[in-house]
N, C-alpha and C. Protein backbone atom coordinates (compact mmCIF):
# COMPACT_ATOMS: atom_id res chain seq x y z
N MET A 1 0.76 -1.24 0.06
CA MET A 1 0.05 0.03 -0.05
C MET A 1 0.84 1.20 0.00
N ARG A 2 2.02 1.12 0.53
CA ARG A 2 2.87 2.36 0.61
C ARG A 2 3.42 2.68 -0.77
N ALA A 3 3.62 1.79 -1.73
CA ALA A 3 3.92 1.99 -3.18
C ALA A 3 2.71 2.70 -3.79
N ALA A 4 1.60 2.41 -3.47
CA ALA A 4 0.49 2.93 -4.07
C ALA A 4 0.52 4.58 -3.84
N TYR A 5 0.72 4.99 -2.37
CA TYR A 5 0.89 6.15 -2.01
C TYR A 5 1.97 6.97 -2.56
N LEU A 6 2.97 6.18 -2.62
CA LEU A 6 4.36 6.82 -3.06
C LEU A 6 3.95 7.27 -4.76
N SER A 7 3.16 6.21 -5.28
CA SER A 7 2.96 6.57 -6.80
C SER A 7 1.91 7.77 -6.73
N LEU A 8 1.11 7.77 -5.81
CA LEU A 8 0.15 8.95 -5.93
C LEU A 8 0.78 10.25 -5.64
N ALA A 9 1.91 10.19 -4.77
CA ALA A 9 2.83 11.52 -4.53
C ALA A 9 3.37 12.00 -6.00
N ILE A 10 3.84 10.91 -6.56
CA ILE A 10 4.55 11.32 -7.89
C ILE A 10 3.48 11.70 -9.00
N ALA A 11 2.36 11.34 -8.94
CA ALA A 11 1.38 11.73 -9.70
C ALA A 11 0.89 13.15 -9.45
N ILE A 12 0.86 13.37 -8.27
CA ILE A 12 0.37 14.78 -7.78
C ILE A 12 1.60 15.77 -8.18
N VAL A 13 2.79 15.40 -7.92
CA VAL A 13 3.95 16.34 -8.12
C VAL A 13 4.01 16.48 -9.67
N ALA A 14 3.81 15.45 -10.32
CA ALA A 14 3.73 15.52 -11.83
C ALA A 14 2.76 16.41 -12.43
N GLU A 15 1.74 16.31 -11.95
CA GLU A 15 0.60 17.14 -12.37
C GLU A 15 0.74 18.59 -11.85
N VAL A 16 1.30 18.98 -10.90
CA VAL A 16 1.63 20.21 -10.37
C VAL A 16 2.56 20.66 -11.42
N VAL A 17 3.58 20.10 -11.60
CA VAL A 17 4.66 20.49 -12.58
C VAL A 17 4.21 21.04 -13.83
N ALA A 18 3.43 20.13 -14.14
CA ALA A 18 2.80 20.07 -15.58
C ALA A 18 1.75 21.25 -15.67
N THR A 19 0.99 21.46 -14.83
CA THR A 19 -0.02 22.48 -14.73
C THR A 19 0.76 23.92 -14.68
N SER A 20 1.61 23.81 -13.79
CA SER A 20 2.57 25.24 -13.55
C SER A 20 3.30 25.47 -14.97
N ALA A 21 3.65 24.50 -15.54
CA ALA A 21 4.40 24.83 -16.92
C ALA A 21 3.35 25.21 -18.23
N LEU A 22 2.03 24.93 -18.05
CA LEU A 22 1.21 25.50 -18.89
C LEU A 22 1.00 26.93 -19.03
N LYS A 23 1.15 27.60 -17.73
CA LYS A 23 1.31 28.93 -17.72
C LYS A 23 2.45 29.54 -18.73
N GLY A 24 3.61 28.97 -18.56
CA GLY A 24 4.88 29.39 -19.15
C GLY A 24 4.75 28.86 -20.72
N SER A 25 3.97 27.95 -21.07
CA SER A 25 3.85 27.58 -22.40
C SER A 25 3.13 28.62 -23.34
N ASP A 26 2.52 29.37 -22.83
CA ASP A 26 1.89 30.64 -23.49
C ASP A 26 0.97 29.86 -24.68
N GLY A 27 0.19 29.11 -24.34
CA GLY A 27 -0.65 28.40 -25.13
C GLY A 27 -0.01 27.43 -26.07
N PHE A 28 0.86 26.94 -25.71
CA PHE A 28 1.75 25.93 -26.36
C PHE A 28 2.61 26.57 -27.36
N THR A 29 2.77 27.80 -27.23
CA THR A 29 3.77 28.52 -28.48
C THR A 29 4.98 28.41 -27.97
N ARG A 30 5.53 28.02 -26.83
CA ARG A 30 6.89 28.11 -26.36
C ARG A 30 7.26 26.60 -26.12
N LEU A 31 8.36 26.02 -26.86
CA LEU A 31 8.59 24.49 -26.92
C LEU A 31 8.88 24.12 -25.44
N GLY A 32 9.76 24.71 -24.72
CA GLY A 32 10.36 24.02 -23.45
C GLY A 32 9.24 23.87 -22.37
N PRO A 33 8.29 25.00 -22.14
CA PRO A 33 7.31 24.68 -21.09
C PRO A 33 6.09 23.65 -21.85
N SER A 34 6.04 23.89 -23.01
CA SER A 34 5.06 22.88 -23.62
C SER A 34 5.37 21.27 -23.47
N LEU A 35 6.81 21.09 -23.78
CA LEU A 35 7.15 19.61 -23.50
C LEU A 35 7.06 19.34 -22.09
N LEU A 36 7.49 20.22 -21.16
CA LEU A 36 7.44 19.82 -19.65
C LEU A 36 5.79 19.76 -19.39
N ALA A 37 5.01 20.37 -19.80
CA ALA A 37 3.57 20.08 -19.59
C ALA A 37 3.15 18.95 -20.08
N VAL A 38 3.31 18.56 -21.38
CA VAL A 38 3.07 17.09 -21.93
C VAL A 38 3.64 16.07 -21.12
N ALA A 39 4.95 15.99 -20.87
CA ALA A 39 5.61 15.01 -20.22
C ALA A 39 5.22 14.84 -18.67
N GLY A 40 4.85 15.89 -18.04
CA GLY A 40 4.31 15.90 -16.70
C GLY A 40 3.07 15.36 -16.58
N TYR A 41 2.18 15.45 -17.48
CA TYR A 41 0.90 14.94 -17.48
C TYR A 41 1.01 13.35 -18.05
N ALA A 42 1.87 13.05 -18.67
CA ALA A 42 2.06 11.60 -19.13
C ALA A 42 2.52 10.92 -17.66
N VAL A 43 3.59 11.46 -17.02
CA VAL A 43 3.95 10.93 -15.78
C VAL A 43 2.79 10.76 -14.78
N ALA A 44 2.12 11.96 -14.69
CA ALA A 44 0.99 11.94 -13.85
C ALA A 44 0.09 10.87 -14.11
N PHE A 45 -0.53 10.79 -15.14
CA PHE A 45 -1.50 9.90 -15.44
C PHE A 45 -1.07 8.36 -15.34
N TYR A 46 0.26 8.03 -15.73
CA TYR A 46 0.74 6.84 -15.63
C TYR A 46 0.67 6.28 -14.04
N ALA A 47 1.36 7.31 -13.39
CA ALA A 47 1.51 7.11 -11.77
C ALA A 47 -0.03 6.75 -11.26
N LEU A 48 -1.01 7.72 -11.83
CA LEU A 48 -2.25 7.63 -11.28
C LEU A 48 -2.91 6.24 -11.51
N ALA A 49 -2.57 5.81 -12.92
CA ALA A 49 -3.18 4.39 -13.15
C ALA A 49 -2.54 3.27 -12.30
N LEU A 50 -1.35 3.44 -11.86
CA LEU A 50 -0.77 2.33 -10.87
C LEU A 50 -1.43 2.39 -9.62
N VAL A 51 -1.71 3.67 -9.08
CA VAL A 51 -2.34 3.84 -7.93
C VAL A 51 -3.67 3.12 -7.85
N LEU A 52 -4.42 3.15 -8.94
CA LEU A 52 -5.77 2.81 -9.02
C LEU A 52 -5.81 1.33 -9.19
N ARG A 53 -4.84 0.49 -9.03
CA ARG A 53 -4.54 -0.90 -8.80
C ARG A 53 -4.97 -1.24 -7.41
N SER A 54 -4.75 -0.35 -6.56
CA SER A 54 -4.91 -0.69 -5.09
C SER A 54 -5.87 0.32 -4.25
N VAL A 55 -6.02 1.51 -4.57
CA VAL A 55 -6.70 2.54 -4.02
C VAL A 55 -7.89 2.73 -4.77
N PRO A 56 -8.98 2.80 -3.95
CA PRO A 56 -10.31 3.28 -4.61
C PRO A 56 -10.32 4.40 -5.56
N LEU A 57 -10.96 4.24 -6.63
CA LEU A 57 -11.01 5.54 -7.53
C LEU A 57 -11.32 6.77 -7.02
N GLY A 58 -12.46 6.91 -6.26
CA GLY A 58 -12.88 8.09 -5.64
C GLY A 58 -11.91 8.59 -4.55
N VAL A 59 -11.32 7.93 -3.90
CA VAL A 59 -10.28 8.32 -2.74
C VAL A 59 -9.05 8.61 -3.41
N ALA A 60 -8.52 8.17 -4.44
CA ALA A 60 -7.43 8.51 -5.27
C ALA A 60 -7.48 9.65 -5.95
N TYR A 61 -8.79 9.95 -6.62
CA TYR A 61 -8.90 11.02 -7.51
C TYR A 61 -9.16 12.11 -6.45
N ALA A 62 -9.95 11.99 -5.50
CA ALA A 62 -10.10 13.06 -4.53
C ALA A 62 -8.80 13.70 -3.96
N ILE A 63 -7.78 12.77 -3.49
CA ILE A 63 -6.59 13.13 -2.86
C ILE A 63 -5.66 13.97 -3.89
N TRP A 64 -5.75 13.28 -5.35
CA TRP A 64 -4.93 13.76 -6.41
C TRP A 64 -5.49 15.29 -6.69
N CYS A 65 -6.65 15.36 -6.83
CA CYS A 65 -7.22 16.76 -7.30
C CYS A 65 -7.09 17.86 -6.09
N GLY A 66 -7.36 17.33 -4.80
CA GLY A 66 -7.30 18.48 -3.73
C GLY A 66 -5.98 18.62 -3.49
N ALA A 67 -5.09 17.89 -3.38
CA ALA A 67 -3.58 18.21 -3.18
C ALA A 67 -3.03 18.85 -4.44
N GLY A 68 -3.45 18.74 -5.64
CA GLY A 68 -3.04 19.28 -6.93
C GLY A 68 -3.48 20.80 -6.81
N ILE A 69 -4.85 21.02 -6.47
CA ILE A 69 -5.29 22.30 -6.29
C ILE A 69 -4.63 23.09 -5.39
N VAL A 70 -4.46 22.45 -4.20
CA VAL A 70 -3.65 23.43 -3.23
C VAL A 70 -2.38 23.71 -3.52
N LEU A 71 -1.51 22.78 -4.03
CA LEU A 71 -0.25 23.21 -4.44
C LEU A 71 -0.10 24.10 -5.48
N VAL A 72 -0.90 23.94 -6.59
CA VAL A 72 -0.97 24.73 -7.74
C VAL A 72 -1.12 26.16 -7.33
N THR A 73 -2.33 26.24 -6.50
CA THR A 73 -2.66 27.73 -5.94
C THR A 73 -1.55 28.26 -5.17
N LEU A 74 -0.73 27.52 -4.35
CA LEU A 74 0.44 28.06 -3.65
C LEU A 74 1.60 28.37 -4.48
N ILE A 75 1.87 27.73 -5.65
CA ILE A 75 2.79 27.95 -6.47
C ILE A 75 2.23 29.41 -7.30
N GLY A 76 1.15 29.45 -7.62
CA GLY A 76 0.55 30.70 -8.32
C GLY A 76 0.80 31.85 -7.29
N TRP A 77 0.67 31.83 -6.17
CA TRP A 77 0.76 32.75 -5.05
C TRP A 77 2.23 33.05 -4.88
N VAL A 78 3.06 32.09 -4.60
CA VAL A 78 4.35 32.42 -4.20
C VAL A 78 5.21 32.71 -5.61
N VAL A 79 5.18 32.03 -6.56
CA VAL A 79 6.12 32.18 -7.60
C VAL A 79 5.54 33.07 -8.49
N MET A 80 4.30 33.06 -8.76
CA MET A 80 3.76 33.90 -9.93
C MET A 80 3.08 35.18 -9.39
N LYS A 81 3.24 35.34 -8.08
CA LYS A 81 2.79 36.42 -7.53
C LYS A 81 1.29 36.69 -7.67
N GLN A 82 0.42 35.93 -7.73
CA GLN A 82 -0.86 35.83 -7.93
C GLN A 82 -1.60 36.15 -6.58
N PRO A 83 -2.42 37.09 -6.41
CA PRO A 83 -2.88 37.33 -4.98
C PRO A 83 -4.06 36.34 -4.79
N LEU A 84 -4.10 36.06 -3.28
CA LEU A 84 -5.27 35.28 -2.79
C LEU A 84 -5.96 36.10 -1.84
N ASP A 85 -7.15 36.19 -1.96
CA ASP A 85 -8.09 36.92 -0.86
C ASP A 85 -8.67 36.02 0.06
N GLY A 86 -9.40 36.41 1.24
CA GLY A 86 -9.78 35.66 2.14
C GLY A 86 -10.72 34.47 1.72
N PRO A 87 -11.87 34.61 0.78
CA PRO A 87 -12.46 33.50 0.42
C PRO A 87 -11.56 32.49 -0.37
N ALA A 88 -10.92 32.72 -0.93
CA ALA A 88 -9.74 31.83 -1.68
C ALA A 88 -8.93 31.09 -0.70
N LEU A 89 -8.70 31.77 0.39
CA LEU A 89 -7.81 30.91 1.47
C LEU A 89 -8.59 30.00 2.14
N VAL A 90 -9.86 30.42 2.64
CA VAL A 90 -11.02 29.69 3.14
C VAL A 90 -11.30 28.35 2.29
N GLY A 91 -11.35 28.56 0.97
CA GLY A 91 -11.78 27.53 0.10
C GLY A 91 -10.57 26.49 -0.03
N ILE A 92 -9.34 27.00 0.09
CA ILE A 92 -8.11 26.14 -0.11
C ILE A 92 -8.16 25.29 1.38
N GLY A 93 -8.43 25.98 2.36
CA GLY A 93 -8.24 25.26 3.61
C GLY A 93 -9.44 24.22 3.73
N LEU A 94 -10.57 24.51 3.16
CA LEU A 94 -11.68 23.37 3.11
C LEU A 94 -10.97 22.06 2.36
N ILE A 95 -10.58 22.57 1.05
CA ILE A 95 -10.07 21.47 0.40
C ILE A 95 -8.88 20.61 1.02
N LEU A 96 -8.07 21.17 1.53
CA LEU A 96 -6.99 20.59 2.38
C LEU A 96 -7.54 19.79 3.61
N ALA A 97 -8.61 20.35 4.23
CA ALA A 97 -9.31 19.71 5.42
C ALA A 97 -10.02 18.29 4.90
N GLY A 98 -10.60 18.49 3.57
CA GLY A 98 -11.37 17.48 2.97
C GLY A 98 -10.44 16.21 2.77
N VAL A 99 -9.21 16.57 2.08
CA VAL A 99 -8.11 15.57 1.96
C VAL A 99 -7.67 14.89 3.22
N LEU A 100 -7.36 15.57 4.26
CA LEU A 100 -6.80 15.00 5.51
C LEU A 100 -7.95 14.15 6.09
N VAL A 101 -9.31 14.54 6.06
CA VAL A 101 -10.42 13.69 6.51
C VAL A 101 -10.34 12.54 5.92
N ILE A 102 -10.21 12.54 4.53
CA ILE A 102 -10.30 11.14 3.82
C ILE A 102 -9.12 10.20 4.24
N GLN A 103 -7.94 10.82 4.22
CA GLN A 103 -6.67 10.10 4.62
C GLN A 103 -6.63 9.58 6.18
N LEU A 104 -7.20 10.48 7.08
CA LEU A 104 -7.08 10.13 8.60
C LEU A 104 -8.11 9.22 8.97
N PHE A 105 -9.24 9.57 8.48
CA PHE A 105 -10.49 8.92 9.04
C PHE A 105 -11.34 7.89 8.22
N SER A 106 -11.21 7.89 6.98
CA SER A 106 -12.04 7.16 6.08
C SER A 106 -11.65 5.79 6.07
N ARG A 107 -12.34 4.82 6.07
CA ARG A 107 -12.04 3.53 5.80
C ARG A 107 -12.03 3.18 4.46
N SER A 108 -12.55 4.08 3.56
CA SER A 108 -12.63 3.78 2.23
C SER A 108 -11.23 3.97 1.65
N ALA A 109 -10.12 4.56 2.23
CA ALA A 109 -8.68 4.62 1.84
C ALA A 109 -8.03 3.59 1.96
N ALA A 110 -8.50 2.51 3.05
CA ALA A 110 -7.88 1.29 3.17
C ALA A 110 -7.86 0.50 2.19
N PRO A 111 -7.16 -0.53 1.88
CA PRO A 111 -7.42 -1.59 0.89
C PRO A 111 -8.69 -2.50 1.14
N GLY A 112 -9.40 -2.97 0.04
CA GLY A 112 -10.69 -3.60 0.33
C GLY A 112 -10.48 -4.93 0.23
């Protein structure tokens, strides 16, 4: 099961890198960021496919999306200087809380 969650972490990081590279690709008109985005998504989907062998689809996807949203938003804020207002911070906090509830308390996250 640890291998599944390691693969999930790889999928999350790859998706975050790919999504962040999309901003720099300027609509796929810049080669380097465009290639990074495509490669990142390929790694992310491959790793997610491995995860789905042992983690329920809903749980894996909720963690993947939730963590991805939080990390991409933080990169936008820190690296790209995109402002976050109070409601955005509350929403991100709720997403993070949801991911933590699934991980810490849901029996659905355990192997079936």
